Amino acid sequence: MSGEKSVFRSENDRYYDSLREKTGKGLGTPLDFNQLYSHKRKSKEEIYKTVTIPFVLNTYDVLIDEKLDWKLLSDSATIAGLKCQKATVNYGGRTWEAWFAKSIAIQDGPYIFHGLPGLIIQIADSTNDFKFSLVYYTDKKNSMFFPSKKGKILSFTQFKLLQENFYSQPFAELESSGMKIVHADEKGNKLPWNSREMSQKMQKVLKENNNPIELNYKPNFK
């Protein structure tokens, strides 16, 4: 977080953002769409979920327009050494339980969550599929904290369709680009490229990991 900007990303994303900033290279990306990378701009009240398409590596920003209607409760607890108060909210087709610390006067939190009268120290959905907890915090300036560019802006409806199109033909865009695709075994030996077989493997991965944080926009992988 810096000034009016706030970014939430995985350690892997942080590393590759830094690498791209320094060298222009570094293309690490997960092989599914369960990516938890977001950025907030407070003055414009804008929140985006940043996603990178596997293999193709196109980046998109999905606009978060769902409002967070927090309910503050009287429950209290000490978490990470901080006195916290409980709050609940519905987001993405899930019910969330949050704990925030008024002693840290930052109305922010992990991923897209924000708007409580203190920093969100812990938040989890009711099924415990997703849980975010503060490990430590520090006041440190970092010029490479934020991504250097934004992707094309999509709505969640468009993002859902993009995922379903990718699922139907995972390597279509890569193959049509004329780029040479190299497939190898665990020992590094090159193997013949079998588009049908590799597509089926990719579809299996996508199906097995089809548990997005925004359940109300869960893609239909048939």
C-alpha atoms as a PDB file:
ATOM      1  CA  MET A   1       0.000   0.000   0.000  1.00  0.00           C
ATOM      2  CA  SER A   2       1.313   3.466  -0.901  1.00  0.00           C
ATOM      3  CA  GLY A   3      -0.721   6.659  -0.799  1.00  0.00           C
ATOM      4  CA  GLU A   4      -3.937   6.112  -2.703  1.00  0.00           C
ATOM      5  CA  LYS A   5      -2.776   2.838  -4.259  1.00  0.00           C
ATOM      6  CA  SER A   6      -3.037  -0.652  -2.833  1.00  0.00           C
ATOM      7  CA  VAL A   7      -1.910  -3.940  -4.389  1.00  0.00           C
ATOM      8  CA  PHE A   8      -2.528  -7.503  -3.244  1.00  0.00           C
ATOM      9  CA  ARG A   9      -0.627 -10.328  -4.927  1.00  0.00           C
ATOM     10  CA  SER A  10       1.052 -13.649  -4.269  1.00  0.00           C
ATOM     11  CA  GLU A  11       4.749 -13.922  -3.458  1.00  0.00           C
ATOM     12  CA  ASN A  12       5.247 -15.508  -6.885  1.00  0.00           C
ATOM     13  CA  ASP A  13       3.536 -12.569  -8.606  1.00  0.00           C
ATOM     14  CA  ARG A  14       5.607 -10.107  -6.579  1.00  0.00           C
ATOM     15  CA  TYR A  15       8.811 -11.815  -7.709  1.00  0.00           C
ATOM     16  CA  TYR A  16       7.877 -11.860 -11.394  1.00  0.00           C
ATOM     17  CA  ASP A  17       6.620  -8.264 -11.307  1.00  0.00           C
ATOM     18  CA  SER A  18      10.000  -7.229  -9.915  1.00  0.00           C
ATOM     19  CA  LEU A  19      11.840  -9.308 -12.532  1.00  0.00           C
ATOM     20  CA  ARG A  20       9.818  -7.807 -15.383  1.00  0.00           C
ATOM     21  CA  GLU A  21      10.425  -4.304 -14.011  1.00  0.00           C
ATOM     22  CA  LYS A  22      14.193  -4.855 -13.981  1.00  0.00           C
ATOM     23  CA  THR A  23      14.761  -6.925 -17.114  1.00  0.00           C
ATOM     24  CA  GLY A  24      11.555  -6.932 -19.172  1.00  0.00           C
ATOM     25  CA  LYS A  25      11.526 -10.712 -18.789  1.00  0.00           C
ATOM     26  CA  GLY A  26       9.974 -13.203 -16.419  1.00  0.00           C
ATOM     27  CA  LEU A  27       6.663 -14.716 -17.367  1.00  0.00           C
ATOM     28  CA  GLY A  28       5.648 -16.931 -14.470  1.00  0.00           C
ATOM     29  CA  THR A  29       1.925 -17.551 -14.294  1.00  0.00           C
ATOM     30  CA  PRO A  30      -0.341 -20.254 -12.802  1.00  0.00           C
ATOM     31  CA  LEU A  31      -2.016 -22.831 -15.014  1.00  0.00           C
ATOM     32  CA  ASP A  32      -5.527 -21.906 -13.941  1.00  0.00           C
ATOM     33  CA  PHE A  33      -7.665 -18.817 -13.361  1.00  0.00           C
ATOM     34  CA  ASN A  34      -7.744 -18.877  -9.552  1.00  0.00           C
ATOM     35  CA  GLN A  35      -5.434 -15.879  -9.442  1.00  0.00           C
ATOM     36  CA  LEU A  36      -5.664 -13.566  -6.427  1.00  0.00           C
ATOM     37  CA  TYR A  37      -4.039 -10.398  -7.739  1.00  0.00           C
ATOM     38  CA  SER A  38      -5.820  -7.088  -7.233  1.00  0.00           C
ATOM     39  CA  HIS A  39      -5.158  -3.379  -7.176  1.00  0.00           C
ATOM     40  CA  LYS A  40      -7.165  -0.523  -5.710  1.00  0.00           C
ATOM     41  CA  ARG A  41      -7.131   3.200  -6.501  1.00  0.00           C
ATOM     42  CA  LYS A  42      -8.860   5.003  -3.634  1.00  0.00           C
ATOM     43  CA  SER A  43      -9.441   8.445  -5.159  1.00  0.00           C
ATOM     44  CA  LYS A  44     -11.402   6.944  -8.051  1.00  0.00           C
ATOM     45  CA  GLU A  45     -12.902   4.156  -5.915  1.00  0.00           C
ATOM     46  CA  GLU A  46     -11.682   1.644  -8.501  1.00  0.00           C
ATOM     47  CA  ILE A  47     -10.816  -1.977  -7.766  1.00  0.00           C
ATOM     48  CA  TYR A  48      -9.552  -4.445 -10.362  1.00  0.00           C
ATOM     49  CA  LYS A  49      -8.747  -8.142 -10.316  1.00  0.00           C
ATOM     50  CA  THR A  50      -5.698  -8.733 -12.537  1.00  0.00           C
ATOM     51  CA  VAL A  51      -5.570 -12.054 -14.412  1.00  0.00           C
ATOM     52  CA  THR A  52      -3.037 -13.539 -16.813  1.00  0.00           C
ATOM     53  CA  ILE A  53      -4.107 -16.119 -19.396  1.00  0.00           C
ATOM     54  CA  PRO A  54      -2.068 -19.337 -19.077  1.00  0.00           C
ATOM     55  CA  PHE A  55       0.530 -19.858 -21.857  1.00  0.00           C
ATOM     56  CA  VAL A  56      -0.713 -16.911 -23.931  1.00  0.00           C
ATOM     57  CA  LEU A  57       0.198 -14.515 -21.084  1.00  0.00           C
ATOM     58  CA  ASN A  58      -2.289 -11.789 -22.059  1.00  0.00           C
ATOM     59  CA  THR A  59      -3.161  -9.677 -19.016  1.00  0.00           C
ATOM     60  CA  TYR A  60      -6.644  -8.372 -18.219  1.00  0.00           C
ATOM     61  CA  ASP A  61      -8.124  -6.249 -15.432  1.00  0.00           C
ATOM     62  CA  VAL A  62     -11.565  -7.365 -14.278  1.00  0.00           C
ATOM     63  CA  LEU A  63     -13.564  -4.488 -12.821  1.00  0.00           C
ATOM     64  CA  ILE A  64     -14.899  -5.196  -9.318  1.00  0.00           C
ATOM     65  CA  ASP A  65     -18.216  -3.361  -9.081  1.00  0.00           C
ATOM     66  CA  GLU A  66     -19.824  -5.415  -6.303  1.00  0.00           C
ATOM     67  CA  LYS A  67     -20.287  -3.220  -3.224  1.00  0.00           C
ATOM     68  CA  LEU A  68     -19.223  -4.437   0.211  1.00  0.00           C
ATOM     69  CA  ASP A  69     -22.062  -3.987   2.720  1.00  0.00           C
ATOM     70  CA  TRP A  70     -20.253  -4.703   5.983  1.00  0.00           C
ATOM     71  CA  LYS A  71     -22.051  -5.645   9.200  1.00  0.00           C
ATOM     72  CA  LEU A  72     -20.049  -4.737  12.296  1.00  0.00           C
ATOM     73  CA  LEU A  73     -20.452  -7.054  15.284  1.00  0.00           C
ATOM     74  CA  SER A  74     -19.510  -6.636  18.934  1.00  0.00           C
ATOM     75  CA  ASP A  75     -17.302  -9.780  19.050  1.00  0.00           C
ATOM     76  CA  SER A  76     -13.630  -9.145  19.839  1.00  0.00           C
ATOM     77  CA  ALA A  77     -10.460 -11.228  19.730  1.00  0.00           C
ATOM     78  CA  THR A  78      -6.686 -10.816  19.781  1.00  0.00           C
ATOM     79  CA  ILE A  79      -5.109 -11.864  16.468  1.00  0.00           C
ATOM     80  CA  ALA A  80      -1.422 -11.448  15.582  1.00  0.00           C
ATOM     81  CA  GLY A  81      -1.050  -9.529  18.837  1.00  0.00           C
ATOM     82  CA  LEU A  82      -3.689  -6.976  17.843  1.00  0.00           C
ATOM     83  CA  LYS A  83      -7.090  -6.347  19.412  1.00  0.00           C
ATOM     84  CA  CYS A  84      -9.647  -6.986  16.681  1.00  0.00           C
ATOM     85  CA  GLN A  85     -13.375  -6.583  16.101  1.00  0.00           C
ATOM     86  CA  LYS A  86     -15.536  -8.904  13.998  1.00  0.00           C
ATOM     87  CA  ALA A  87     -17.453  -8.009  10.825  1.00  0.00           C
ATOM     88  CA  THR A  88     -19.256  -9.988   8.132  1.00  0.00           C
ATOM     89  CA  VAL A  89     -19.959  -9.341   4.464  1.00  0.00           C
ATOM     90  CA  ASN A  90     -21.253 -11.098   1.351  1.00  0.00           C
ATOM     91  CA  TYR A  91     -19.013 -11.007  -1.701  1.00  0.00           C
ATOM     92  CA  GLY A  92     -18.700 -13.170  -4.806  1.00  0.00           C
ATOM     93  CA  GLY A  93     -21.497 -15.534  -3.794  1.00  0.00           C
ATOM     94  CA  ARG A  94     -19.739 -16.271  -0.493  1.00  0.00           C
ATOM     95  CA  THR A  95     -20.247 -15.157   3.110  1.00  0.00           C
ATOM     96  CA  TRP A  96     -17.115 -13.775   4.747  1.00  0.00           C
ATOM     97  CA  GLU A  97     -16.074 -13.319   8.386  1.00  0.00           C
ATOM     98  CA  ALA A  98     -13.461 -10.633   9.002  1.00  0.00           C
ATOM     99  CA  TRP A  99     -11.464  -9.371  11.961  1.00  0.00           C
ATOM    100  CA  PHE A 100     -10.094  -5.827  11.817  1.00  0.00           C
ATOM    101  CA  ALA A 101      -7.864  -3.729  14.079  1.00  0.00           C
ATOM    102  CA  LYS A 102      -8.975  -0.174  14.808  1.00  0.00           C
ATOM    103  CA  SER A 103      -5.474   0.533  16.149  1.00  0.00           C
ATOM    104  CA  ILE A 104      -4.191   0.458  12.548  1.00  0.00           C
ATOM    105  CA  ALA A 105      -6.186   3.241  10.919  1.00  0.00           C
ATOM    106  CA  ILE A 106      -6.000   1.866   7.395  1.00  0.00           C
ATOM    107  CA  GLN A 107      -9.326   1.023   5.765  1.00  0.00           C
ATOM    108  CA  ASP A 108      -7.861  -1.759   3.647  1.00  0.00           C
ATOM    109  CA  GLY A 109      -7.308  -5.490   3.609  1.00  0.00           C
ATOM    110  CA  PRO A 110      -6.333  -8.494   1.502  1.00  0.00           C
ATOM    111  CA  TYR A 111      -7.492  -8.992  -2.080  1.00  0.00           C
ATOM    112  CA  ILE A 112     -10.470  -6.681  -2.867  1.00  0.00           C
ATOM    113  CA  PHE A 113     -11.609  -6.307   0.746  1.00  0.00           C
ATOM    114  CA  HIS A 114     -11.637  -2.801   2.244  1.00  0.00           C
ATOM    115  CA  GLY A 115     -13.879  -0.247   3.920  1.00  0.00           C
ATOM    116  CA  LEU A 116     -13.736  -1.245   7.591  1.00  0.00           C
ATOM    117  CA  PRO A 117     -12.621   1.282  10.281  1.00  0.00           C
ATOM    118  CA  GLY A 118      -9.230  -0.402  10.620  1.00  0.00           C
ATOM    119  CA  LEU A 119      -6.898  -2.816   8.818  1.00  0.00           C
ATOM    120  CA  ILE A 120      -8.371  -6.271   8.123  1.00  0.00           C
ATOM    121  CA  ILE A 121      -6.133  -8.708   9.989  1.00  0.00           C
ATOM    122  CA  GLN A 122      -7.954 -11.906   9.059  1.00  0.00           C
ATOM    123  CA  ILE A 123     -10.794 -12.852   6.728  1.00  0.00           C
ATOM    124  CA  ALA A 124     -12.208 -16.213   5.601  1.00  0.00           C
ATOM    125  CA  ASP A 125     -15.251 -17.442   3.725  1.00  0.00           C
ATOM    126  CA  SER A 126     -17.815 -19.643   5.482  1.00  0.00           C
ATOM    127  CA  THR A 127     -16.599 -22.830   3.753  1.00  0.00           C
ATOM    128  CA  ASN A 128     -12.951 -22.073   4.581  1.00  0.00           C
ATOM    129  CA  ASP A 129     -11.992 -22.393   0.919  1.00  0.00           C
ATOM    130  CA  PHE A 130     -10.232 -19.041   1.239  1.00  0.00           C
ATOM    131  CA  LYS A 131      -8.576 -17.571   4.314  1.00  0.00           C
ATOM    132  CA  PHE A 132      -6.261 -14.568   4.515  1.00  0.00           C
ATOM    133  CA  SER A 133      -4.272 -13.802   7.661  1.00  0.00           C
ATOM    134  CA  LEU A 134      -1.780 -11.079   8.504  1.00  0.00           C
ATOM    135  CA  VAL A 135       1.700 -12.504   9.125  1.00  0.00           C
ATOM    136  CA  TYR A 136       3.492  -9.207   9.724  1.00  0.00           C
ATOM    137  CA  TYR A 137       3.338  -5.620   8.551  1.00  0.00           C
ATOM    138  CA  THR A 138       6.013  -3.026   7.937  1.00  0.00           C
ATOM    139  CA  ASP A 139       6.266   0.584   6.806  1.00  0.00           C
ATOM    140  CA  LYS A 140       8.637   0.377   3.850  1.00  0.00           C
ATOM    141  CA  LYS A 141       8.924   2.237   0.563  1.00  0.00           C
ATOM    142  CA  ASN A 142       9.304   0.048  -2.502  1.00  0.00           C
ATOM    143  CA  SER A 143       9.429   1.534  -6.002  1.00  0.00           C
ATOM    144  CA  MET A 144       8.726  -1.885  -7.538  1.00  0.00           C
ATOM    145  CA  PHE A 145       5.644  -2.586  -5.444  1.00  0.00           C
ATOM    146  CA  PHE A 146       3.121  -1.783  -8.150  1.00  0.00           C
ATOM    147  CA  PRO A 147       2.675  -3.340 -11.603  1.00  0.00           C
ATOM    148  CA  SER A 148       4.064  -1.153 -14.386  1.00  0.00           C
ATOM    149  CA  LYS A 149       1.057  -1.474 -16.712  1.00  0.00           C
ATOM    150  CA  LYS A 150      -2.629  -2.301 -16.737  1.00  0.00           C
ATOM    151  CA  GLY A 151      -4.352  -4.843 -18.915  1.00  0.00           C
ATOM    152  CA  LYS A 152      -7.490  -4.563 -21.008  1.00  0.00           C
ATOM    153  CA  ILE A 153     -10.513  -3.953 -18.774  1.00  0.00           C
ATOM    154  CA  LEU A 154     -13.221  -6.646 -18.681  1.00  0.00           C
ATOM    155  CA  SER A 155     -16.480  -7.133 -16.823  1.00  0.00           C
ATOM    156  CA  PHE A 156     -16.931 -10.360 -14.835  1.00  0.00           C
ATOM    157  CA  THR A 157     -19.369 -11.593 -17.487  1.00  0.00           C
ATOM    158  CA  GLN A 158     -16.696 -11.096 -20.152  1.00  0.00           C
ATOM    159  CA  PHE A 159     -14.075 -12.759 -17.934  1.00  0.00           C
ATOM    160  CA  LYS A 160     -16.324 -15.793 -17.429  1.00  0.00           C
ATOM    161  CA  LEU A 161     -16.763 -16.124 -21.209  1.00  0.00           C
ATOM    162  CA  LEU A 162     -13.008 -15.725 -21.752  1.00  0.00           C
ATOM    163  CA  GLN A 163     -12.339 -18.635 -19.375  1.00  0.00           C
ATOM    164  CA  GLU A 164     -14.907 -20.863 -21.070  1.00  0.00           C
ATOM    165  CA  ASN A 165     -13.460 -20.080 -24.512  1.00  0.00           C
ATOM    166  CA  PHE A 166      -9.959 -20.859 -23.264  1.00  0.00           C
ATOM    167  CA  TYR A 167     -11.181 -24.147 -21.787  1.00  0.00           C
ATOM    168  CA  SER A 168     -12.726 -25.264 -25.092  1.00  0.00           C
ATOM    169  CA  GLN A 169      -9.411 -24.735 -26.948  1.00  0.00           C
ATOM    170  CA  PRO A 170      -6.547 -24.065 -24.507  1.00  0.00           C
ATOM    171  CA  PHE A 171      -3.778 -23.892 -27.108  1.00  0.00           C
ATOM    172  CA  ALA A 172      -5.679 -22.384 -30.055  1.00  0.00           C
ATOM    173  CA  GLU A 173      -4.212 -18.888 -29.780  1.00  0.00           C
ATOM    174  CA  LEU A 174      -0.723 -20.181 -29.069  1.00  0.00           C
ATOM    175  CA  GLU A 175      -0.791 -22.510 -32.076  1.00  0.00           C
ATOM    176  CA  SER A 176      -2.279 -19.894 -34.420  1.00  0.00           C
ATOM    177  CA  SER A 177       0.483 -17.432 -33.480  1.00  0.00           C
ATOM    178  CA  GLY A 178       3.032 -19.630 -35.252  1.00  0.00           C
ATOM    179  CA  MET A 179       5.109 -19.852 -32.090  1.00  0.00           C
ATOM    180  CA  LYS A 180       7.086 -23.073 -31.781  1.00  0.00           C
ATOM    181  CA  ILE A 181       5.732 -25.146 -28.896  1.00  0.00           C
ATOM    182  CA  VAL A 182       8.226 -27.396 -27.132  1.00  0.00           C
ATOM    183  CA  HIS A 183       6.967 -30.249 -24.969  1.00  0.00           C
ATOM    184  CA  ALA A 184       9.350 -32.275 -22.795  1.00  0.00           C
ATOM    185  CA  ASP A 185       9.304 -35.030 -20.192  1.00  0.00           C
ATOM    186  CA  GLU A 186      10.603 -34.767 -16.628  1.00  0.00           C
ATOM    187  CA  LYS A 187      14.181 -35.376 -17.823  1.00  0.00           C
ATOM    188  CA  GLY A 188      14.016 -32.619 -20.412  1.00  0.00           C
ATOM    189  CA  ASN A 189      13.701 -34.912 -23.414  1.00  0.00           C
ATOM    190  CA  LYS A 190      11.673 -33.333 -26.214  1.00  0.00           C
ATOM    191  CA  LEU A 191       8.377 -35.041 -27.013  1.00  0.00           C
ATOM    192  CA  PRO A 192       6.143 -34.744 -30.097  1.00  0.00           C
ATOM    193  CA  TRP A 193       3.403 -32.143 -29.708  1.00  0.00           C
ATOM    194  CA  ASN A 194      -0.052 -33.677 -29.505  1.00  0.00           C
ATOM    195  CA  SER A 195      -2.585 -30.827 -29.413  1.00  0.00           C
ATOM    196  CA  ARG A 196      -5.574 -33.013 -28.525  1.00  0.00           C
ATOM    197  CA  GLU A 197      -3.781 -34.845 -25.720  1.00  0.00           C
ATOM    198  CA  MET A 198      -2.311 -31.675 -24.226  1.00  0.00           C
ATOM    199  CA  SER A 199      -5.668 -29.878 -24.443  1.00  0.00           C
ATOM    200  CA  GLN A 200      -7.348 -32.713 -22.556  1.00  0.00           C
ATOM    201  CA  LYS A 201      -4.683 -32.533 -19.837  1.00  0.00           C
ATOM    202  CA  MET A 202      -5.139 -28.789 -19.532  1.00  0.00           C
ATOM    203  CA  GLN A 203      -8.925 -29.140 -19.387  1.00  0.00           C
ATOM    204  CA  LYS A 204      -8.523 -31.679 -16.585  1.00  0.00           C
ATOM    205  CA  VAL A 205      -6.406 -29.200 -14.592  1.00  0.00           C
ATOM    206  CA  LEU A 206      -8.959 -26.421 -15.119  1.00  0.00           C
ATOM    207  CA  LYS A 207     -11.885 -28.641 -14.080  1.00  0.00           C
ATOM    208  CA  GLU A 208     -10.131 -29.882 -10.945  1.00  0.00           C
ATOM    209  CA  ASN A 209      -9.299 -26.322  -9.877  1.00  0.00           C
ATOM    210  CA  ASN A 210     -12.601 -24.699 -10.814  1.00  0.00           C
ATOM    211  CA  ASN A 211     -13.300 -23.138  -7.424  1.00  0.00           C
ATOM    212  CA  PRO A 212     -13.027 -19.379  -8.025  1.00  0.00           C
ATOM    213  CA  ILE A 213     -13.250 -16.906  -5.179  1.00  0.00           C
ATOM    214  CA  GLU A 214     -16.149 -15.267  -7.076  1.00  0.00           C
ATOM    215  CA  LEU A 215     -18.524 -18.258  -7.090  1.00  0.00           C
ATOM    216  CA  ASN A 216     -21.301 -16.180  -8.642  1.00  0.00           C
ATOM    217  CA  TYR A 217     -19.226 -16.051 -11.847  1.00  0.00           C
ATOM    218  CA  LYS A 218     -17.966 -19.634 -11.820  1.00  0.00           C
ATOM    219  CA  PRO A 219     -17.188 -20.705 -15.430  1.00  0.00           C
ATOM    220  CA  ASN A 220     -18.974 -23.706 -16.882  1.00  0.00           C
ATOM    221  CA  PHE A 221     -16.246 -26.192 -17.838  1.00  0.00           C
ATOM    222  CA  LYS A 222     -18.032 -29.086 -19.576  1.00  0.00           C
END
